[in-house]
Protein backbone atom coordinates (compact mmCIF):
# COMPACT_ATOMS: atom_id res chain seq x y z
CA MET A 1 28.65 1.58 -2.07
CA ASN A 2 25.96 0.37 -4.49
CA PRO A 3 26.21 2.54 -7.59
CA HIS A 4 22.48 2.38 -8.18
CA PHE A 5 21.65 4.44 -4.92
CA GLN A 6 23.33 7.81 -5.42
CA ARG A 7 20.47 9.64 -5.15
CA ILE A 8 18.28 8.84 -2.00
CA GLY A 9 14.97 10.47 -0.81
CA ILE A 10 13.43 10.56 2.54
CA VAL A 11 9.68 10.59 3.30
CA ALA A 12 7.86 10.44 6.66
CA LYS A 13 5.01 12.03 8.59
CA PRO A 14 6.51 15.21 10.63
CA ASP A 15 3.93 14.77 13.29
CA ASP A 16 4.49 11.10 14.11
CA PRO A 17 6.38 10.30 17.69
CA GLY A 18 10.19 9.83 16.90
CA VAL A 19 10.31 11.10 13.46
CA GLU A 20 12.32 14.07 13.79
CA GLN A 21 15.19 12.55 15.61
CA THR A 22 15.20 9.34 13.28
CA VAL A 23 15.11 11.26 9.77
CA ALA A 24 17.98 13.48 11.40
CA ARG A 25 19.98 10.51 12.00
CA LEU A 26 19.24 9.02 8.45
CA ALA A 27 19.77 12.40 6.63
CA HIS A 28 23.29 12.81 8.28
CA HIS A 29 24.33 8.99 7.98
CA LEU A 30 23.60 9.15 4.27
CA ALA A 31 25.37 12.45 3.65
CA THR A 32 28.53 10.87 5.37
CA ARG A 33 28.33 8.20 2.88
CA GLY A 34 28.48 10.29 -0.09
CA VAL A 35 25.16 10.23 -1.58
CA GLU A 36 22.50 12.95 -2.51
CA VAL A 37 19.75 13.23 0.07
CA LEU A 38 16.46 14.67 -1.10
CA ALA A 39 13.88 15.51 1.45
CA GLU A 40 10.11 15.66 0.91
CA VAL A 41 8.65 18.92 1.32
CA ASP A 42 6.70 18.10 4.35
CA ILE A 43 9.67 17.07 6.57
CA SER A 44 12.23 19.48 5.06
CA GLY A 45 11.65 21.85 8.09
CA LEU A 46 13.12 18.89 10.31
CA LEU A 47 16.65 18.85 8.42
CA HIS A 48 19.57 21.33 7.76
CA SER A 49 19.14 22.87 4.40
CA ASP A 50 23.12 22.14 3.73
CA VAL A 51 22.26 18.32 4.26
CA CYS A 52 19.64 17.76 1.66
CA ARG A 53 17.60 19.05 -1.08
CA THR A 54 13.83 19.38 -0.98
CA CYS A 55 11.45 18.12 -3.68
CA THR A 56 7.71 17.03 -3.53
CA LEU A 57 6.53 13.50 -3.42
CA ALA A 58 5.60 13.50 -6.76
CA SER A 59 8.81 14.25 -8.09
CA LEU A 60 10.68 11.86 -5.79
CA GLY A 61 9.72 8.60 -7.75
CA GLY A 62 11.43 10.39 -10.88
CA GLU A 63 14.48 11.78 -9.16
CA ALA A 64 15.55 9.17 -6.43
CA ASP A 65 17.10 5.90 -6.85
CA LEU A 66 15.94 4.95 -3.45
CA VAL A 67 13.34 6.37 -1.33
CA ILE A 68 13.40 5.39 2.78
CA VAL A 69 10.06 5.88 4.38
CA VAL A 70 10.17 6.55 8.11
CA GLY A 71 6.94 5.65 9.74
CA GLY A 72 4.47 2.82 9.84
CA ASP A 73 2.61 1.19 6.97
CA GLY A 74 0.53 3.74 6.61
CA THR A 75 2.97 5.95 5.78
CA LEU A 76 4.49 3.52 3.08
CA LEU A 77 1.23 3.02 1.41
CA GLY A 78 0.70 6.57 0.82
CA ALA A 79 4.32 6.98 -0.70
CA ALA A 80 3.97 3.90 -2.67
CA ARG A 81 0.96 4.84 -4.83
CA SER A 82 2.85 8.26 -5.91
CA LEU A 83 6.47 6.46 -6.29
CA ALA A 84 5.13 3.59 -8.05
CA ARG A 85 5.09 5.47 -11.36
CA GLY A 86 8.57 6.08 -11.11
CA ASN A 87 11.53 3.44 -10.71
CA ALA A 88 12.79 4.55 -7.36
CA ALA A 89 12.89 1.28 -4.85
CA LEU A 90 11.29 1.96 -1.43
CA LEU A 91 12.71 1.09 1.95
CA GLY A 92 10.59 1.12 5.30
CA VAL A 93 12.06 2.21 8.81
CA ASN A 94 9.36 1.10 11.21
CA LEU A 95 8.13 3.65 13.74
CA GLY A 96 4.52 2.27 13.75
CA ARG A 97 3.16 -0.70 15.67
CA LEU A 98 2.38 -3.73 12.79
CA GLY A 99 4.88 -3.08 10.16
CA PHE A 100 4.27 -5.58 7.60
CA LEU A 101 6.01 -3.41 5.02
CA VAL A 102 8.29 -1.22 6.90
CA ASP A 103 11.01 -3.85 8.73
CA ILE A 104 13.91 -1.88 9.74
CA SER A 105 13.89 -1.09 13.45
CA PRO A 106 15.38 2.42 13.90
CA GLU A 107 17.85 0.97 16.64
CA ARG A 108 19.66 -0.63 13.58
CA LEU A 109 18.94 2.03 11.16
CA GLU A 110 22.69 2.78 10.15
CA GLN A 111 23.70 -0.77 10.11
CA ALA A 112 20.77 -1.55 7.74
CA VAL A 113 21.34 1.32 5.49
CA ASP A 114 24.66 0.66 4.87
CA ALA A 115 23.91 -3.00 4.00
CA ILE A 116 21.59 -1.42 1.33
CA LEU A 117 24.06 0.65 -0.13
CA ALA A 118 26.73 -2.09 -0.31
CA GLY A 119 24.07 -4.03 -2.35
CA ASP A 120 23.21 -6.66 0.51
CA PHE A 121 19.48 -6.48 0.51
CA GLU A 122 16.49 -8.54 -1.10
CA GLU A 123 14.16 -7.06 -3.71
CA GLU A 124 10.63 -7.96 -4.47
CA ARG A 125 7.74 -6.57 -6.67
CA ARG A 126 4.32 -5.74 -5.42
CA PHE A 127 1.84 -4.71 -7.91
CA LEU A 128 -1.08 -2.17 -7.33
CA LEU A 129 -4.65 -1.78 -8.34
CA GLU A 130 -6.15 0.82 -9.89
CA ALA A 131 -10.13 1.80 -9.50
CA ARG A 132 -12.17 4.01 -11.92
CA ILE A 133 -15.76 5.31 -11.41
CA GLY A 134 -18.29 5.77 -13.93
CA THR A 135 -17.16 7.94 -17.00
CA GLU A 136 -13.40 7.51 -15.75
CA VAL A 137 -13.47 4.07 -17.18
CA ALA A 138 -12.88 5.26 -20.75
CA LEU A 139 -10.25 7.85 -19.38
CA GLY A 140 -6.50 7.52 -18.26
CA GLU A 141 -5.24 6.08 -15.24
CA GLY A 142 -7.58 5.27 -12.32
CA VAL A 143 -6.97 5.87 -8.44
CA PRO A 144 -4.26 3.70 -7.42
CA ALA A 145 -4.24 1.15 -4.22
CA LEU A 146 -1.52 -1.00 -2.92
CA ASN A 147 -3.41 -2.73 -0.25
CA ASP A 148 -7.17 -2.67 -1.09
CA VAL A 149 -9.95 -0.95 -2.90
CA VAL A 150 -13.29 -0.91 -0.69
CA LEU A 151 -16.79 -0.24 -1.50
CA HIS A 152 -18.72 0.87 1.32
CA LYS A 153 -21.10 3.09 3.09
CA TRP A 154 -20.24 6.15 5.29
CA ASN A 155 -22.72 7.52 8.18
CA SER A 156 -25.13 4.51 7.44
CA VAL A 157 -25.63 1.13 8.87
CA ARG A 158 -28.11 0.22 5.92
CA MET A 159 -26.75 -2.66 3.54
CA LEU A 160 -25.77 -2.37 -0.14
CA GLU A 161 -27.14 -4.11 -2.83
CA PHE A 162 -24.52 -4.54 -5.88
CA GLU A 163 -23.66 -6.97 -8.53
CA THR A 164 -20.09 -8.49 -9.24
CA HIS A 165 -18.87 -9.09 -12.86
CA ILE A 166 -15.60 -10.57 -13.47
CA ASP A 167 -14.06 -10.39 -17.18
CA GLY A 168 -17.33 -9.67 -18.30
CA ARG A 169 -19.11 -12.53 -16.44
CA PHE A 170 -21.63 -12.21 -13.98
CA VAL A 171 -20.73 -13.65 -10.62
CA ASN A 172 -23.44 -13.05 -8.15
CA ALA A 173 -25.66 -10.29 -6.78
CA GLN A 174 -25.21 -9.59 -3.03
CA ARG A 175 -26.31 -7.67 0.13
CA SER A 176 -23.86 -6.58 2.38
CA ASP A 177 -22.05 -3.93 4.16
CA GLY A 178 -19.74 -3.72 1.12
CA LEU A 179 -16.70 -5.47 -0.82
CA ILE A 180 -12.97 -5.50 -0.05
CA VAL A 181 -10.82 -6.32 -3.54
CA SER A 182 -7.65 -6.50 -2.07
CA THR A 183 -3.98 -7.37 -3.49
CA PRO A 184 -1.82 -10.23 -1.74
CA THR A 185 0.00 -7.02 0.12
CA GLY A 186 -3.39 -6.14 1.49
CA SER A 187 -4.55 -9.52 2.68
CA THR A 188 -3.14 -9.04 6.13
CA ALA A 189 -5.01 -5.56 6.64
CA TYR A 190 -8.86 -4.98 6.09
CA ALA A 191 -9.35 -8.35 4.01
CA LEU A 192 -7.79 -10.34 7.13
CA SER A 193 -10.13 -8.51 9.39
CA GLY A 194 -13.25 -9.50 7.06
CA GLY A 195 -12.24 -13.17 7.21
CA GLY A 196 -10.24 -13.51 4.08
CA PRO A 197 -7.36 -15.55 3.55
CA ILE A 198 -3.50 -14.51 3.93
CA VAL A 199 -2.09 -14.27 0.26
CA HIS A 200 1.77 -14.86 -0.15
CA PRO A 201 2.92 -11.65 -1.84
CA GLY A 202 4.52 -13.45 -4.56
CA LEU A 203 1.29 -14.82 -5.81
CA ASP A 204 -0.68 -13.06 -8.62
CA ALA A 205 -3.88 -13.06 -7.31
CA LEU A 206 -6.48 -10.94 -6.02
CA VAL A 207 -8.93 -11.49 -3.32
CA LEU A 208 -12.85 -10.33 -3.10
CA VAL A 209 -13.82 -10.34 0.46
CA PRO A 210 -17.71 -9.48 1.22
CA ILE A 211 -18.32 -7.18 4.46
CA CYS A 212 -20.88 -8.69 6.70
CA PRO A 213 -22.83 -10.32 3.98
CA HIS A 214 -26.25 -11.32 4.34
CA THR A 215 -26.07 -14.55 2.92
CA LEU A 216 -23.72 -16.83 4.96
CA SER A 217 -22.74 -18.73 1.78
CA ASN A 218 -21.09 -15.59 0.27
CA ARG A 219 -17.62 -16.28 1.02
CA PRO A 220 -14.13 -14.83 -0.23
CA LEU A 221 -13.40 -15.37 -3.44
CA VAL A 222 -9.52 -15.60 -4.76
CA ILE A 223 -8.83 -14.66 -8.65
CA GLY A 224 -6.08 -14.09 -10.95
CA SER A 225 -4.50 -10.68 -10.77
CA GLU A 226 -5.23 -9.91 -14.40
CA SER A 227 -8.85 -10.07 -13.85
CA ARG A 228 -11.04 -7.33 -14.33
CA ILE A 229 -13.54 -6.31 -11.85
CA GLU A 230 -16.97 -4.60 -12.49
CA ILE A 231 -19.28 -3.54 -9.84
CA ARG A 232 -22.63 -2.29 -10.62
CA LEU A 233 -24.80 -0.90 -8.08
CA CYS A 234 -28.43 -1.96 -7.58
CA GLY A 235 -31.41 -0.64 -5.42
CA GLY A 236 -32.54 3.01 -5.08
CA ASP A 237 -30.76 4.02 -1.94
CA LEU A 238 -27.31 4.98 -3.40
CA GLU A 239 -26.90 7.99 -0.86
CA HIS A 240 -23.47 7.83 1.06
CA MET A 241 -21.59 5.45 -1.23
CA ARG A 242 -17.95 5.58 -0.95
CA LEU A 243 -15.04 3.78 -2.69
CA SER A 244 -11.68 3.80 -0.80
CA CYS A 245 -8.18 3.01 -1.71
CA ASP A 246 -5.78 2.19 1.01
CA GLY A 247 -8.16 3.61 3.32
CA GLN A 248 -6.50 7.02 2.44
CA THR A 249 -8.01 8.23 -0.88
CA ASN A 250 -11.87 8.43 -1.01
CA ARG A 251 -14.42 8.66 -3.85
CA SER A 252 -18.17 9.72 -3.90
CA ILE A 253 -20.42 7.19 -6.17
CA ARG A 254 -23.54 8.61 -8.09
CA PRO A 255 -26.48 6.78 -9.18
CA GLY A 256 -25.73 4.84 -12.51
CA GLU A 257 -22.08 5.01 -12.13
CA ALA A 258 -20.40 1.45 -12.22
CA ILE A 259 -17.02 0.80 -10.77
CA LEU A 260 -14.08 -1.04 -12.33
CA ILE A 261 -11.23 -2.43 -10.50
CA GLN A 262 -8.27 -3.94 -12.23
CA ARG A 263 -4.45 -4.49 -11.88
CA SER A 264 -2.34 -1.37 -12.27
CA PRO A 265 0.34 -1.33 -15.25
CA HIS A 266 2.78 0.00 -12.28
CA GLU A 267 4.62 -2.02 -9.69
CA LEU A 268 6.32 -1.26 -6.53
CA ARG A 269 10.07 -2.09 -5.79
CA LEU A 270 10.33 -2.87 -2.18
CA LEU A 271 13.65 -3.58 -0.38
CA HIS A 272 14.47 -5.50 2.35
CA PRO A 273 17.45 -6.45 4.43
CA ARG A 274 19.32 -9.74 3.47
CA GLY A 275 17.50 -12.58 5.19
CA HIS A 276 13.66 -11.15 5.13
CA ASP A 277 11.38 -13.85 6.14
CA TYR A 278 7.78 -13.42 5.25
CA TYR A 279 6.47 -16.10 7.55
CA GLN A 280 8.53 -14.62 10.64
CA ILE A 281 6.77 -11.49 10.13
CA LEU A 282 3.49 -13.32 10.29
CA ARG A 283 4.37 -15.06 13.33
CA ALA A 284 5.71 -11.76 14.94
CA LYS A 285 2.79 -9.56 13.94
CA LEU A 286 -0.24 -11.96 14.25
CA GLY A 287 1.15 -13.53 17.61
CA TRP A 288 1.46 -17.12 16.12
CA GLY A 289 2.96 -19.57 18.53
CA GLY A 290 6.10 -21.78 17.85
CA HIS A 291 6.41 -25.14 18.92
CA PRO A 292 5.08 -25.99 22.22
CA SER A 293 7.64 -26.35 25.24
């Protein structure tokens, strides 16, 4: 058994199909392997109290050595924003459809977990973004995002007008439906739908993807991950402005407030089974063909 994984947390969405059976199997299997099992409070009702100890998501990052997320990529995104502040590694069990981040199937759950506990795994680091609005720029940590930070309007089809500055230098002014600032992790999410490139997760890069720009020459821009991005809104129609982080955390923007987006000091430790192949995942999830017969 891997001595670093003596205390393992479980996170899931309790209303997802198949969750109850999967987390019960997982908790029982972990208990038989002699590790302490911590269940996030939302799923504690699905498990027997004699198998696990209940704790909050916020505390899991500091208490657990490893957190196993059962669900889809959205479930892992929500957990990652809280857990990245601690030192716990994350492992994903895929109950969703796509699964770029969660890559263990329920059918081989016990086998995969045993391999992880034995130290037979691959680990990678994924960086996060932080977004701050207005006066928050001078304050502490911003709102985290693993995939992307998106400037957009809600309840309106009118375009936005804004300026983009990178590292204090003016880049452009544009009229569009918004802007996606994506990490490599998020390059296969909303940014890809908006015409952005697929960026290997090992690259220290950010992608700025305009959403339906009014000027067709306004194309996606790839910059260094340490860049500091400032967005300044223009024009008088600032109603219904929103800043979304991973599509799960939404903030309102008031007139006169600038937006600052930069790399977070926190990183996500993401574990995969041995033999993890990023390009195989792209082929499977994006429907890329192989050699012609």
